[in-house]
Amino acid sequence: MLLEKGQKLLFIGDSVTDCERLKPDGEGLFRALGNGYVSFIDGWIRAVYPELAIRVVNKGISGNTVRDLKERWQKDVLDQNADWLSIMIGINDVWRQYDSPFIKETHVYIDEYESTLTQLVSITKSQVANIVLMTPFYIENNDNDQMRRTMDQYGDVVKKIANENNCILVDTQAAFNKVLHHLYPASLAWDRVHPDTAGHMILAKEFLNCIGFDWKKSL
């Protein structure tokens, strides 16, 4: 696996990354990693690679766009001194164009999205060992659906930035597409955006595959 002993892996993104990480549980404690793909990745790494003592940190915030990430980048990324950084952003950048079509100040169009994400990657890549870029996704198997088509365009931007900056790419849409040959979209996400447990497992598995996780490793 590409992660090395004692490294710190930081995830940043929107609600799909956040997954109620700051919501108190029954004991009044915060679920620091949330209850989604970040927590599953942490669980698999600790269970299979305990000797590496990898620290996982979740900095996802619900509702964020790439514009929001830029505003908090210094505090939530650069100041964290992580060894690895994973970014998944773009769902709200696209979604607000469809669920709030007349509130244009909330829209992050593709030119701004590309320039901002490129800037964030550029100023960070020299400070970390690796950056993982995860494409935004829309859990819809009809690629002629208007929002799915736009999301694919934003995903193509992520692929371009990953290629230009030697980042590891996690194609989340492709991972969902495989499962959507067998399952109806709403069975993975009622709104086609916020995955259920299986959906988060798909994200976690694809991420781990892309960093060389050995599913057959024995302790």
N, C-alpha and C. Protein backbone atom coordinates (compact mmCIF):
# COMPACT_ATOMS: atom_id res chain seq x y z
N MET A 1 0.83 -1.20 0.00
CA MET A 1 0.00 0.00 0.00
C MET A 1 0.86 1.24 0.00
N LEU A 2 0.37 2.30 -0.60
CA LEU A 2 1.16 3.51 -0.76
C LEU A 2 1.34 4.30 0.53
N LEU A 3 0.40 4.19 1.46
CA LEU A 3 0.56 4.87 2.74
C LEU A 3 1.72 4.27 3.52
N GLU A 4 2.48 5.13 4.21
CA GLU A 4 3.62 4.67 4.97
C GLU A 4 3.40 4.88 6.46
N LYS A 5 4.19 4.22 7.25
CA LYS A 5 4.02 4.21 8.70
C LYS A 5 4.00 5.62 9.29
N GLY A 6 3.00 5.84 10.14
CA GLY A 6 2.91 7.09 10.88
C GLY A 6 2.37 8.27 10.09
N GLN A 7 1.89 8.04 8.87
CA GLN A 7 1.42 9.16 8.07
C GLN A 7 0.02 9.61 8.48
N LYS A 8 -0.26 10.86 8.14
CA LYS A 8 -1.56 11.48 8.43
C LYS A 8 -2.30 11.68 7.11
N LEU A 9 -3.52 11.14 7.05
CA LEU A 9 -4.35 11.19 5.85
C LEU A 9 -5.55 12.09 6.13
N LEU A 10 -5.66 13.20 5.40
CA LEU A 10 -6.71 14.18 5.65
C LEU A 10 -7.71 14.19 4.49
N PHE A 11 -8.98 14.14 4.83
CA PHE A 11 -10.06 14.20 3.84
C PHE A 11 -10.77 15.55 3.97
N ILE A 12 -11.06 16.18 2.83
CA ILE A 12 -11.83 17.41 2.85
C ILE A 12 -12.87 17.36 1.75
N GLY A 13 -14.02 17.96 2.01
CA GLY A 13 -15.10 17.93 1.03
C GLY A 13 -16.39 18.49 1.59
N ASP A 14 -17.50 17.98 1.09
CA ASP A 14 -18.83 18.47 1.45
C ASP A 14 -19.54 17.49 2.37
N SER A 15 -20.87 17.42 2.28
CA SER A 15 -21.64 16.58 3.21
C SER A 15 -21.34 15.09 3.06
N VAL A 16 -20.98 14.65 1.85
CA VAL A 16 -20.68 13.24 1.65
C VAL A 16 -19.43 12.85 2.43
N THR A 17 -18.52 13.78 2.58
CA THR A 17 -17.32 13.55 3.41
C THR A 17 -17.63 13.81 4.88
N ASP A 18 -18.34 14.88 5.16
CA ASP A 18 -18.70 15.27 6.52
C ASP A 18 -19.42 14.14 7.26
N CYS A 19 -20.57 13.74 6.73
CA CYS A 19 -21.35 12.63 7.30
C CYS A 19 -21.55 12.74 8.81
N GLU A 20 -22.01 13.90 9.24
CA GLU A 20 -22.36 14.14 10.64
C GLU A 20 -21.17 13.99 11.59
N ARG A 21 -20.00 14.36 11.13
CA ARG A 21 -18.81 14.20 11.98
C ARG A 21 -18.85 15.10 13.23
N LEU A 22 -19.62 16.17 13.17
CA LEU A 22 -19.71 17.07 14.32
C LEU A 22 -21.02 16.94 15.08
N LYS A 23 -21.81 15.92 14.75
CA LYS A 23 -23.07 15.70 15.45
C LYS A 23 -22.83 14.85 16.70
N PRO A 24 -23.24 15.34 17.87
CA PRO A 24 -23.02 14.57 19.10
C PRO A 24 -23.75 13.24 19.07
N ASP A 25 -23.10 12.21 19.60
CA ASP A 25 -23.78 10.93 19.72
C ASP A 25 -24.54 10.88 21.04
N GLY A 26 -25.02 9.73 21.42
CA GLY A 26 -25.82 9.62 22.63
C GLY A 26 -25.06 9.96 23.90
N GLU A 27 -23.74 9.92 23.84
CA GLU A 27 -22.93 10.23 25.01
C GLU A 27 -22.44 11.67 25.00
N GLY A 28 -22.89 12.45 24.00
CA GLY A 28 -22.47 13.84 23.92
C GLY A 28 -21.10 14.01 23.27
N LEU A 29 -20.59 12.93 22.68
CA LEU A 29 -19.28 13.00 22.02
C LEU A 29 -19.47 13.18 20.51
N PHE A 30 -18.47 13.78 19.87
CA PHE A 30 -18.54 13.98 18.44
C PHE A 30 -17.99 12.76 17.71
N ARG A 31 -18.62 12.41 16.59
CA ARG A 31 -18.10 11.37 15.71
C ARG A 31 -17.06 12.04 14.81
N ALA A 32 -15.82 12.08 15.24
CA ALA A 32 -14.81 12.89 14.56
C ALA A 32 -14.62 12.52 13.10
N LEU A 33 -14.88 11.28 12.74
CA LEU A 33 -14.71 10.85 11.36
C LEU A 33 -16.03 10.73 10.61
N GLY A 34 -17.15 11.01 11.28
CA GLY A 34 -18.44 10.86 10.65
C GLY A 34 -18.83 9.40 10.56
N ASN A 35 -19.89 9.13 9.79
CA ASN A 35 -20.38 7.76 9.66
C ASN A 35 -20.40 7.29 8.21
N GLY A 36 -19.53 7.87 7.38
CA GLY A 36 -19.51 7.52 5.97
C GLY A 36 -18.19 6.93 5.50
N TYR A 37 -17.85 7.18 4.25
CA TYR A 37 -16.70 6.52 3.63
C TYR A 37 -15.38 6.79 4.34
N VAL A 38 -15.23 7.97 4.95
CA VAL A 38 -13.99 8.28 5.67
C VAL A 38 -13.82 7.33 6.85
N SER A 39 -14.89 7.10 7.59
CA SER A 39 -14.81 6.20 8.74
C SER A 39 -14.56 4.76 8.29
N PHE A 40 -15.13 4.37 7.14
CA PHE A 40 -14.91 3.02 6.63
C PHE A 40 -13.45 2.82 6.19
N ILE A 41 -12.89 3.84 5.55
CA ILE A 41 -11.48 3.78 5.15
C ILE A 41 -10.59 3.66 6.37
N ASP A 42 -10.88 4.47 7.38
CA ASP A 42 -10.11 4.41 8.62
C ASP A 42 -10.22 3.02 9.25
N GLY A 43 -11.42 2.47 9.28
CA GLY A 43 -11.62 1.17 9.88
C GLY A 43 -10.86 0.07 9.17
N TRP A 44 -10.90 0.08 7.84
CA TRP A 44 -10.19 -0.94 7.06
C TRP A 44 -8.68 -0.82 7.24
N ILE A 45 -8.18 0.41 7.23
CA ILE A 45 -6.73 0.59 7.39
C ILE A 45 -6.27 0.14 8.76
N ARG A 46 -7.02 0.50 9.79
CA ARG A 46 -6.61 0.11 11.15
C ARG A 46 -6.74 -1.39 11.36
N ALA A 47 -7.74 -2.01 10.72
CA ALA A 47 -7.95 -3.45 10.90
C ALA A 47 -6.92 -4.28 10.15
N VAL A 48 -6.53 -3.84 8.96
CA VAL A 48 -5.64 -4.63 8.11
C VAL A 48 -4.19 -4.19 8.20
N TYR A 49 -3.96 -2.92 8.48
CA TYR A 49 -2.60 -2.39 8.57
C TYR A 49 -2.35 -1.70 9.93
N PRO A 50 -2.62 -2.37 11.04
CA PRO A 50 -2.46 -1.71 12.34
C PRO A 50 -1.02 -1.28 12.60
N GLU A 51 -0.08 -2.00 12.01
CA GLU A 51 1.34 -1.68 12.24
C GLU A 51 1.75 -0.34 11.64
N LEU A 52 0.93 0.20 10.73
CA LEU A 52 1.29 1.48 10.09
C LEU A 52 0.87 2.69 10.93
N ALA A 53 -0.04 2.51 11.85
CA ALA A 53 -0.48 3.60 12.74
C ALA A 53 -0.84 4.85 11.94
N ILE A 54 -1.70 4.68 10.93
CA ILE A 54 -2.14 5.79 10.09
C ILE A 54 -3.19 6.61 10.84
N ARG A 55 -3.01 7.93 10.83
CA ARG A 55 -4.01 8.81 11.44
C ARG A 55 -4.90 9.39 10.34
N VAL A 56 -6.20 9.21 10.46
CA VAL A 56 -7.17 9.73 9.49
C VAL A 56 -7.89 10.92 10.11
N VAL A 57 -8.02 12.00 9.33
CA VAL A 57 -8.68 13.22 9.79
C VAL A 57 -9.75 13.61 8.78
N ASN A 58 -10.92 14.00 9.28
CA ASN A 58 -12.03 14.40 8.41
C ASN A 58 -12.30 15.89 8.57
N LYS A 59 -12.20 16.63 7.46
CA LYS A 59 -12.48 18.07 7.45
C LYS A 59 -13.61 18.41 6.47
N GLY A 60 -14.50 17.45 6.24
CA GLY A 60 -15.65 17.73 5.39
C GLY A 60 -16.65 18.63 6.09
N ILE A 61 -17.30 19.50 5.34
CA ILE A 61 -18.37 20.36 5.89
C ILE A 61 -19.55 20.35 4.93
N SER A 62 -20.70 19.99 5.45
CA SER A 62 -21.92 19.89 4.66
C SER A 62 -22.22 21.19 3.93
N GLY A 63 -22.60 21.08 2.67
CA GLY A 63 -22.99 22.24 1.88
C GLY A 63 -21.86 22.95 1.18
N ASN A 64 -20.64 22.54 1.42
CA ASN A 64 -19.49 23.25 0.84
C ASN A 64 -19.39 23.09 -0.67
N THR A 65 -18.89 24.15 -1.28
CA THR A 65 -18.46 24.14 -2.67
C THR A 65 -16.95 24.36 -2.68
N VAL A 66 -16.36 24.32 -3.86
CA VAL A 66 -14.91 24.57 -3.94
C VAL A 66 -14.59 25.99 -3.49
N ARG A 67 -15.55 26.89 -3.63
CA ARG A 67 -15.38 28.28 -3.17
C ARG A 67 -15.24 28.31 -1.65
N ASP A 68 -16.01 27.47 -0.97
CA ASP A 68 -15.92 27.38 0.49
C ASP A 68 -14.60 26.76 0.92
N LEU A 69 -14.15 25.75 0.20
CA LEU A 69 -12.86 25.13 0.53
C LEU A 69 -11.75 26.15 0.47
N LYS A 70 -11.78 27.00 -0.54
CA LYS A 70 -10.74 28.02 -0.68
C LYS A 70 -10.68 28.93 0.53
N GLU A 71 -11.84 29.28 1.08
CA GLU A 71 -11.91 30.18 2.23
C GLU A 71 -11.30 29.58 3.48
N ARG A 72 -11.36 28.25 3.63
CA ARG A 72 -10.86 27.62 4.84
C ARG A 72 -9.62 26.76 4.60
N TRP A 73 -9.00 26.90 3.45
CA TRP A 73 -7.89 26.03 3.06
C TRP A 73 -6.69 26.15 4.00
N GLN A 74 -6.35 27.37 4.39
CA GLN A 74 -5.18 27.55 5.25
C GLN A 74 -5.35 26.81 6.57
N LYS A 75 -6.49 27.03 7.22
CA LYS A 75 -6.73 26.44 8.53
C LYS A 75 -6.96 24.94 8.46
N ASP A 76 -7.78 24.50 7.51
CA ASP A 76 -8.23 23.10 7.51
C ASP A 76 -7.37 22.17 6.67
N VAL A 77 -6.43 22.73 5.91
CA VAL A 77 -5.54 21.88 5.13
C VAL A 77 -4.07 22.21 5.41
N LEU A 78 -3.63 23.38 5.02
CA LEU A 78 -2.21 23.71 5.12
C LEU A 78 -1.70 23.67 6.55
N ASP A 79 -2.48 24.18 7.49
CA ASP A 79 -2.05 24.20 8.89
C ASP A 79 -2.10 22.82 9.54
N GLN A 80 -2.70 21.85 8.89
CA GLN A 80 -2.84 20.51 9.47
C GLN A 80 -1.60 19.64 9.28
N ASN A 81 -0.71 20.05 8.39
CA ASN A 81 0.54 19.31 8.15
C ASN A 81 0.30 17.82 7.88
N ALA A 82 -0.65 17.55 7.01
CA ALA A 82 -0.94 16.17 6.64
C ALA A 82 0.10 15.65 5.65
N ASP A 83 0.25 14.34 5.60
CA ASP A 83 1.13 13.70 4.63
C ASP A 83 0.38 13.40 3.34
N TRP A 84 -0.89 13.07 3.48
CA TRP A 84 -1.76 12.78 2.34
C TRP A 84 -3.00 13.66 2.43
N LEU A 85 -3.48 14.11 1.28
CA LEU A 85 -4.70 14.91 1.21
C LEU A 85 -5.64 14.31 0.18
N SER A 86 -6.89 14.10 0.57
CA SER A 86 -7.92 13.64 -0.36
C SER A 86 -8.99 14.72 -0.48
N ILE A 87 -9.32 15.08 -1.71
CA ILE A 87 -10.31 16.12 -1.98
C ILE A 87 -11.45 15.54 -2.80
N MET A 88 -12.67 15.69 -2.30
CA MET A 88 -13.85 15.39 -3.11
C MET A 88 -14.82 16.55 -2.98
N ILE A 89 -14.95 17.32 -4.04
CA ILE A 89 -15.79 18.51 -4.02
C ILE A 89 -16.39 18.71 -5.42
N GLY A 90 -17.55 19.33 -5.46
CA GLY A 90 -18.18 19.61 -6.75
C GLY A 90 -19.66 19.31 -6.80
N ILE A 91 -20.13 18.48 -5.86
CA ILE A 91 -21.54 18.11 -5.89
C ILE A 91 -22.43 19.34 -5.70
N ASN A 92 -22.13 20.16 -4.69
CA ASN A 92 -22.96 21.34 -4.45
C ASN A 92 -22.71 22.42 -5.51
N ASP A 93 -21.50 22.47 -6.05
CA ASP A 93 -21.20 23.42 -7.13
C ASP A 93 -22.18 23.20 -8.28
N VAL A 94 -22.48 21.94 -8.56
CA VAL A 94 -23.42 21.57 -9.62
C VAL A 94 -24.86 21.63 -9.13
N TRP A 95 -25.13 21.05 -7.97
CA TRP A 95 -26.50 20.87 -7.48
C TRP A 95 -27.24 22.19 -7.33
N ARG A 96 -26.54 23.21 -6.81
CA ARG A 96 -27.20 24.50 -6.61
C ARG A 96 -27.69 25.09 -7.93
N GLN A 97 -27.08 24.72 -9.03
CA GLN A 97 -27.53 25.21 -10.33
C GLN A 97 -28.88 24.61 -10.72
N TYR A 98 -29.23 23.48 -10.08
CA TYR A 98 -30.47 22.78 -10.42
C TYR A 98 -31.55 22.91 -9.34
N ASP A 99 -31.15 22.84 -8.06
CA ASP A 99 -32.20 22.95 -7.03
C ASP A 99 -32.46 24.39 -6.62
N SER A 100 -31.56 25.30 -6.98
CA SER A 100 -31.74 26.73 -6.69
C SER A 100 -31.38 27.55 -7.92
N PRO A 101 -32.08 27.34 -9.03
CA PRO A 101 -31.67 27.94 -10.30
C PRO A 101 -31.68 29.46 -10.33
N PHE A 102 -32.47 30.09 -9.45
CA PHE A 102 -32.58 31.54 -9.49
C PHE A 102 -31.67 32.23 -8.46
N ILE A 103 -31.03 31.43 -7.60
CA ILE A 103 -30.11 32.01 -6.60
C ILE A 103 -28.70 31.86 -7.14
N LYS A 104 -28.39 32.66 -8.12
CA LYS A 104 -27.18 32.46 -8.91
C LYS A 104 -25.89 32.72 -8.14
N GLU A 105 -25.99 33.47 -7.05
CA GLU A 105 -24.77 33.74 -6.29
C GLU A 105 -24.24 32.48 -5.60
N THR A 106 -25.07 31.44 -5.52
CA THR A 106 -24.61 30.18 -4.93
C THR A 106 -24.04 29.23 -5.97
N HIS A 107 -24.13 29.58 -7.23
CA HIS A 107 -23.67 28.70 -8.30
C HIS A 107 -22.16 28.85 -8.50
N VAL A 108 -21.48 27.74 -8.61
CA VAL A 108 -20.05 27.75 -8.95
C VAL A 108 -19.93 27.10 -10.32
N TYR A 109 -19.78 27.94 -11.33
CA TYR A 109 -19.73 27.42 -12.69
C TYR A 109 -18.37 26.81 -12.99
N ILE A 110 -18.31 26.08 -14.08
CA ILE A 110 -17.18 25.18 -14.30
C ILE A 110 -15.85 25.90 -14.44
N ASP A 111 -15.84 27.10 -14.98
CA ASP A 111 -14.58 27.85 -15.10
C ASP A 111 -14.01 28.18 -13.73
N GLU A 112 -14.87 28.68 -12.83
CA GLU A 112 -14.43 28.98 -11.47
C GLU A 112 -14.02 27.71 -10.74
N TYR A 113 -14.80 26.66 -10.95
CA TYR A 113 -14.49 25.38 -10.31
C TYR A 113 -13.10 24.90 -10.71
N GLU A 114 -12.81 24.93 -12.00
CA GLU A 114 -11.51 24.45 -12.47
C GLU A 114 -10.37 25.32 -11.97
N SER A 115 -10.52 26.63 -12.06
CA SER A 115 -9.44 27.52 -11.65
C SER A 115 -9.18 27.44 -10.15
N THR A 116 -10.24 27.33 -9.36
CA THR A 116 -10.08 27.28 -7.90
C THR A 116 -9.46 25.96 -7.46
N LEU A 117 -9.97 24.85 -7.98
CA LEU A 117 -9.42 23.55 -7.60
C LEU A 117 -7.97 23.43 -8.06
N THR A 118 -7.68 23.93 -9.23
CA THR A 118 -6.30 23.92 -9.72
C THR A 118 -5.39 24.71 -8.78
N GLN A 119 -5.87 25.86 -8.33
CA GLN A 119 -5.08 26.69 -7.42
C GLN A 119 -4.83 25.97 -6.10
N LEU A 120 -5.86 25.34 -5.56
CA LEU A 120 -5.72 24.66 -4.27
C LEU A 120 -4.73 23.50 -4.37
N VAL A 121 -4.81 22.75 -5.45
CA VAL A 121 -3.87 21.64 -5.65
C VAL A 121 -2.46 22.18 -5.83
N SER A 122 -2.32 23.25 -6.58
CA SER A 122 -1.01 23.82 -6.88
C SER A 122 -0.28 24.30 -5.63
N ILE A 123 -1.02 24.94 -4.72
CA ILE A 123 -0.36 25.50 -3.53
C ILE A 123 -0.12 24.44 -2.45
N THR A 124 -0.69 23.26 -2.66
CA THR A 124 -0.60 22.22 -1.63
C THR A 124 0.33 21.07 -2.00
N LYS A 125 0.50 20.80 -3.27
CA LYS A 125 1.18 19.56 -3.68
C LYS A 125 2.63 19.46 -3.20
N SER A 126 3.29 20.60 -2.98
CA SER A 126 4.68 20.54 -2.50
C SER A 126 4.76 20.28 -1.00
N GLN A 127 3.61 20.35 -0.32
CA GLN A 127 3.59 20.21 1.14
C GLN A 127 3.14 18.83 1.60
N VAL A 128 2.71 18.00 0.67
CA VAL A 128 2.22 16.67 1.03
C VAL A 128 2.90 15.62 0.16
N ALA A 129 2.87 14.37 0.63
CA ALA A 129 3.47 13.29 -0.14
C ALA A 129 2.61 12.94 -1.35
N ASN A 130 1.29 12.98 -1.18
CA ASN A 130 0.37 12.65 -2.26
C ASN A 130 -0.96 13.36 -2.09
N ILE A 131 -1.57 13.69 -3.21
CA ILE A 131 -2.93 14.22 -3.24
C ILE A 131 -3.81 13.24 -4.00
N VAL A 132 -4.95 12.92 -3.41
CA VAL A 132 -5.95 12.08 -4.07
C VAL A 132 -7.12 12.98 -4.46
N LEU A 133 -7.47 12.97 -5.74
CA LEU A 133 -8.63 13.72 -6.20
C LEU A 133 -9.76 12.75 -6.53
N MET A 134 -10.87 12.92 -5.85
CA MET A 134 -12.05 12.09 -6.06
C MET A 134 -13.07 12.89 -6.86
N THR A 135 -13.56 12.33 -7.95
CA THR A 135 -14.52 13.04 -8.77
C THR A 135 -15.83 13.23 -8.02
N PRO A 136 -16.55 14.33 -8.30
CA PRO A 136 -17.93 14.41 -7.80
C PRO A 136 -18.77 13.40 -8.57
N PHE A 137 -19.94 13.08 -8.05
CA PHE A 137 -20.77 12.05 -8.67
C PHE A 137 -22.24 12.40 -8.56
N TYR A 138 -23.04 11.75 -9.38
CA TYR A 138 -24.49 11.81 -9.27
C TYR A 138 -24.99 10.39 -9.51
N ILE A 139 -25.67 9.83 -8.53
CA ILE A 139 -26.03 8.41 -8.59
C ILE A 139 -27.26 8.24 -9.48
N GLU A 140 -26.99 8.34 -10.77
CA GLU A 140 -28.02 8.25 -11.81
C GLU A 140 -27.40 7.55 -13.01
N ASN A 141 -28.01 6.44 -13.44
CA ASN A 141 -27.41 5.68 -14.54
C ASN A 141 -27.77 6.21 -15.92
N ASN A 142 -28.66 7.18 -16.00
CA ASN A 142 -28.98 7.82 -17.27
C ASN A 142 -28.02 8.98 -17.48
N ASP A 143 -26.99 8.77 -18.31
CA ASP A 143 -26.00 9.83 -18.47
C ASP A 143 -26.49 10.96 -19.36
N ASN A 144 -27.74 10.88 -19.83
CA ASN A 144 -28.36 12.00 -20.54
C ASN A 144 -29.19 12.88 -19.61
N ASP A 145 -29.34 12.44 -18.36
CA ASP A 145 -29.97 13.29 -17.35
C ASP A 145 -29.18 14.60 -17.25
N GLN A 146 -29.87 15.70 -17.16
CA GLN A 146 -29.20 17.01 -17.24
C GLN A 146 -28.18 17.20 -16.13
N MET A 147 -28.56 16.90 -14.90
CA MET A 147 -27.63 17.09 -13.80
C MET A 147 -26.49 16.08 -13.87
N ARG A 148 -26.78 14.85 -14.26
CA ARG A 148 -25.72 13.85 -14.42
C ARG A 148 -24.73 14.31 -15.49
N ARG A 149 -25.22 14.86 -16.58
CA ARG A 149 -24.36 15.32 -17.66
C ARG A 149 -23.43 16.45 -17.18
N THR A 150 -23.99 17.38 -16.40
CA THR A 150 -23.17 18.46 -15.87
C THR A 150 -22.15 17.93 -14.88
N MET A 151 -22.56 16.99 -14.02
CA MET A 151 -21.64 16.42 -13.04
C MET A 151 -20.49 15.70 -13.74
N ASP A 152 -20.77 15.04 -14.84
CA ASP A 152 -19.72 14.37 -15.59
C ASP A 152 -18.71 15.39 -16.13
N GLN A 153 -19.18 16.56 -16.52
CA GLN A 153 -18.28 17.60 -17.01
C GLN A 153 -17.35 18.08 -15.89
N TYR A 154 -17.89 18.23 -14.69
CA TYR A 154 -17.06 18.62 -13.54
C TYR A 154 -16.09 17.49 -13.19
N GLY A 155 -16.56 16.26 -13.33
CA GLY A 155 -15.69 15.11 -13.10
C GLY A 155 -14.53 15.10 -14.09
N ASP A 156 -14.79 15.48 -15.34
CA ASP A 156 -13.72 15.54 -16.34
C ASP A 156 -12.67 16.59 -15.96
N VAL A 157 -13.12 17.67 -15.34
CA VAL A 157 -12.18 18.69 -14.86
C VAL A 157 -11.26 18.09 -13.80
N VAL A 158 -11.83 17.32 -12.89
CA VAL A 158 -11.03 16.68 -11.84
C VAL A 158 -10.00 15.75 -12.46
N LYS A 159 -10.42 14.98 -13.45
CA LYS A 159 -9.51 14.06 -14.13
C LYS A 159 -8.36 14.83 -14.79
N LYS A 160 -8.67 15.95 -15.40
CA LYS A 160 -7.66 16.78 -16.05
C LYS A 160 -6.67 17.32 -15.04
N ILE A 161 -7.17 17.83 -13.92
CA ILE A 161 -6.28 18.39 -12.89
C ILE A 161 -5.41 17.30 -12.29
N ALA A 162 -5.99 16.13 -12.06
CA ALA A 162 -5.22 15.00 -11.52
C ALA A 162 -4.08 14.63 -12.46
N ASN A 163 -4.37 14.56 -13.74
CA ASN A 163 -3.37 14.20 -14.74
C ASN A 163 -2.26 15.24 -14.82
N GLU A 164 -2.63 16.49 -14.76
CA GLU A 164 -1.64 17.58 -14.89
C GLU A 164 -0.75 17.72 -13.66
N ASN A 165 -1.24 17.23 -12.52
CA ASN A 165 -0.50 17.42 -11.27
C ASN A 165 -0.03 16.12 -10.64
N ASN A 166 -0.10 15.03 -11.39
CA ASN A 166 0.35 13.72 -10.90
C ASN A 166 -0.34 13.32 -9.60
N CYS A 167 -1.63 13.61 -9.53
CA CYS A 167 -2.43 13.21 -8.37
C CYS A 167 -3.02 11.82 -8.63
N ILE A 168 -3.33 11.13 -7.55
CA ILE A 168 -4.06 9.86 -7.66
C ILE A 168 -5.53 10.19 -7.91
N LEU A 169 -6.12 9.55 -8.90
CA LEU A 169 -7.51 9.81 -9.25
C LEU A 169 -8.42 8.68 -8.78
N VAL A 170 -9.50 9.04 -8.12
CA VAL A 170 -10.55 8.08 -7.76
C VAL A 170 -11.80 8.48 -8.53
N ASP A 171 -12.15 7.67 -9.52
CA ASP A 171 -13.32 7.95 -10.36
C ASP A 171 -14.56 7.37 -9.67
N THR A 172 -15.17 8.18 -8.83
CA THR A 172 -16.32 7.71 -8.06
C THR A 172 -17.53 7.43 -8.94
N GLN A 173 -17.71 8.23 -9.99
CA GLN A 173 -18.85 8.01 -10.87
C GLN A 173 -18.75 6.65 -11.55
N ALA A 174 -17.55 6.29 -12.01
CA ALA A 174 -17.36 4.99 -12.65
C ALA A 174 -17.65 3.85 -11.68
N ALA A 175 -17.27 4.06 -10.41
CA ALA A 175 -17.51 3.03 -9.40
C ALA A 175 -19.01 2.84 -9.18
N PHE A 176 -19.75 3.93 -9.12
CA PHE A 176 -21.20 3.82 -8.95
C PHE A 176 -21.85 3.23 -10.20
N ASN A 177 -21.34 3.60 -11.37
CA ASN A 177 -21.93 3.11 -12.61
C ASN A 177 -21.94 1.59 -12.67
N LYS A 178 -20.89 0.96 -12.17
CA LYS A 178 -20.81 -0.50 -12.18
C LYS A 178 -21.95 -1.11 -11.37
N VAL A 179 -22.22 -0.53 -10.20
CA VAL A 179 -23.27 -1.06 -9.33
C VAL A 179 -24.65 -0.74 -9.89
N LEU A 180 -24.77 0.39 -10.60
CA LEU A 180 -26.06 0.80 -11.14
C LEU A 180 -26.53 -0.08 -12.29
N HIS A 181 -25.68 -0.99 -12.74
CA HIS A 181 -26.14 -1.99 -13.70
C HIS A 181 -27.11 -2.96 -13.03
N HIS A 182 -27.06 -3.00 -11.70
CA HIS A 182 -27.84 -3.99 -10.95
C HIS A 182 -28.83 -3.36 -9.97
N LEU A 183 -28.60 -2.12 -9.58
CA LEU A 183 -29.44 -1.49 -8.57
C LEU A 183 -30.05 -0.18 -9.09
N TYR A 184 -31.27 0.11 -8.66
CA TYR A 184 -31.91 1.38 -8.99
C TYR A 184 -31.25 2.48 -8.16
N PRO A 185 -31.01 3.67 -8.73
CA PRO A 185 -30.28 4.73 -8.02
C PRO A 185 -30.81 5.04 -6.62
N ALA A 186 -32.13 5.11 -6.47
CA ALA A 186 -32.70 5.47 -5.17
C ALA A 186 -32.42 4.43 -4.10
N SER A 187 -32.01 3.23 -4.49
CA SER A 187 -31.68 2.22 -3.49
C SER A 187 -30.31 2.48 -2.88
N LEU A 188 -29.53 3.36 -3.48
CA LEU A 188 -28.22 3.75 -2.93
C LEU A 188 -28.24 5.15 -2.34
N ALA A 189 -29.14 6.01 -2.85
CA ALA A 189 -29.23 7.38 -2.34
C ALA A 189 -30.61 7.93 -2.70
N TRP A 190 -31.39 8.25 -1.71
CA TRP A 190 -32.77 8.68 -1.96
C TRP A 190 -32.82 9.93 -2.84
N ASP A 191 -31.79 10.80 -2.73
CA ASP A 191 -31.75 12.02 -3.53
C ASP A 191 -30.70 11.95 -4.63
N ARG A 192 -30.11 10.76 -4.79
CA ARG A 192 -29.07 10.50 -5.79
C ARG A 192 -27.75 11.22 -5.49
N VAL A 193 -27.65 11.76 -4.29
CA VAL A 193 -26.44 12.49 -3.88
C VAL A 193 -25.85 11.94 -2.59
N HIS A 194 -26.70 11.74 -1.58
CA HIS A 194 -26.20 11.32 -0.27
C HIS A 194 -26.33 9.79 -0.14
N PRO A 195 -25.21 9.07 -0.27
CA PRO A 195 -25.28 7.61 -0.32
C PRO A 195 -25.70 6.99 1.01
N ASP A 196 -26.29 5.80 0.92
CA ASP A 196 -26.54 5.00 2.11
C ASP A 196 -25.25 4.25 2.45
N THR A 197 -25.36 3.28 3.36
CA THR A 197 -24.17 2.55 3.79
C THR A 197 -23.47 1.87 2.61
N ALA A 198 -24.24 1.23 1.74
CA ALA A 198 -23.64 0.56 0.59
C ALA A 198 -22.93 1.56 -0.32
N GLY A 199 -23.55 2.72 -0.50
CA GLY A 199 -22.93 3.75 -1.34
C GLY A 199 -21.61 4.23 -0.77
N HIS A 200 -21.57 4.42 0.53
CA HIS A 200 -20.31 4.83 1.16
C HIS A 200 -19.26 3.72 1.10
N MET A 201 -19.73 2.48 1.16
CA MET A 201 -18.81 1.36 1.00
C MET A 201 -18.18 1.35 -0.41
N ILE A 202 -18.98 1.70 -1.40
CA ILE A 202 -18.46 1.80 -2.77
C ILE A 202 -17.37 2.85 -2.85
N LEU A 203 -17.60 4.01 -2.23
CA LEU A 203 -16.59 5.07 -2.22
C LEU A 203 -15.33 4.62 -1.51
N ALA A 204 -15.50 4.00 -0.34
CA ALA A 204 -14.34 3.56 0.44
C ALA A 204 -13.53 2.51 -0.32
N LYS A 205 -14.22 1.55 -0.91
CA LYS A 205 -13.54 0.48 -1.65
C LYS A 205 -12.75 1.05 -2.82
N GLU A 206 -13.35 1.97 -3.56
CA GLU A 206 -12.66 2.53 -4.73
C GLU A 206 -11.44 3.34 -4.30
N PHE A 207 -11.57 4.09 -3.22
CA PHE A 207 -10.43 4.84 -2.70
C PHE A 207 -9.29 3.89 -2.32
N LEU A 208 -9.62 2.87 -1.55
CA LEU A 208 -8.60 1.93 -1.08
C LEU A 208 -7.94 1.20 -2.25
N ASN A 209 -8.72 0.83 -3.25
CA ASN A 209 -8.15 0.19 -4.43
C ASN A 209 -7.12 1.09 -5.10
N CYS A 210 -7.41 2.38 -5.13
CA CYS A 210 -6.54 3.33 -5.83
C CYS A 210 -5.25 3.63 -5.07
N ILE A 211 -5.19 3.30 -3.79
CA ILE A 211 -3.94 3.51 -3.04
C ILE A 211 -3.23 2.18 -2.75
N GLY A 212 -3.64 1.14 -3.45
CA GLY A 212 -2.93 -0.13 -3.36
C GLY A 212 -3.24 -0.97 -2.15
N PHE A 213 -4.43 -0.79 -1.57
CA PHE A 213 -4.83 -1.59 -0.41
C PHE A 213 -4.87 -3.08 -0.79
N ASP A 214 -4.25 -3.91 0.03
CA ASP A 214 -4.20 -5.36 -0.22
C ASP A 214 -5.32 -6.04 0.56
N TRP A 215 -6.38 -6.42 -0.14
CA TRP A 215 -7.54 -7.01 0.52
C TRP A 215 -7.26 -8.41 1.05
N LYS A 216 -6.15 -9.03 0.61
CA LYS A 216 -5.83 -10.38 1.04
C LYS A 216 -4.70 -10.40 2.07
N LYS A 217 -4.26 -9.22 2.49
CA LYS A 217 -3.16 -9.15 3.46
C LYS A 217 -3.55 -9.79 4.78
N SER A 218 -2.62 -10.55 5.34
CA SER A 218 -2.83 -11.12 6.67
C SER A 218 -1.87 -10.45 7.62
N LEU A 219 -2.25 -10.39 8.89
CA LEU A 219 -1.41 -9.73 9.89
C LEU A 219 -0.17 -10.56 10.18
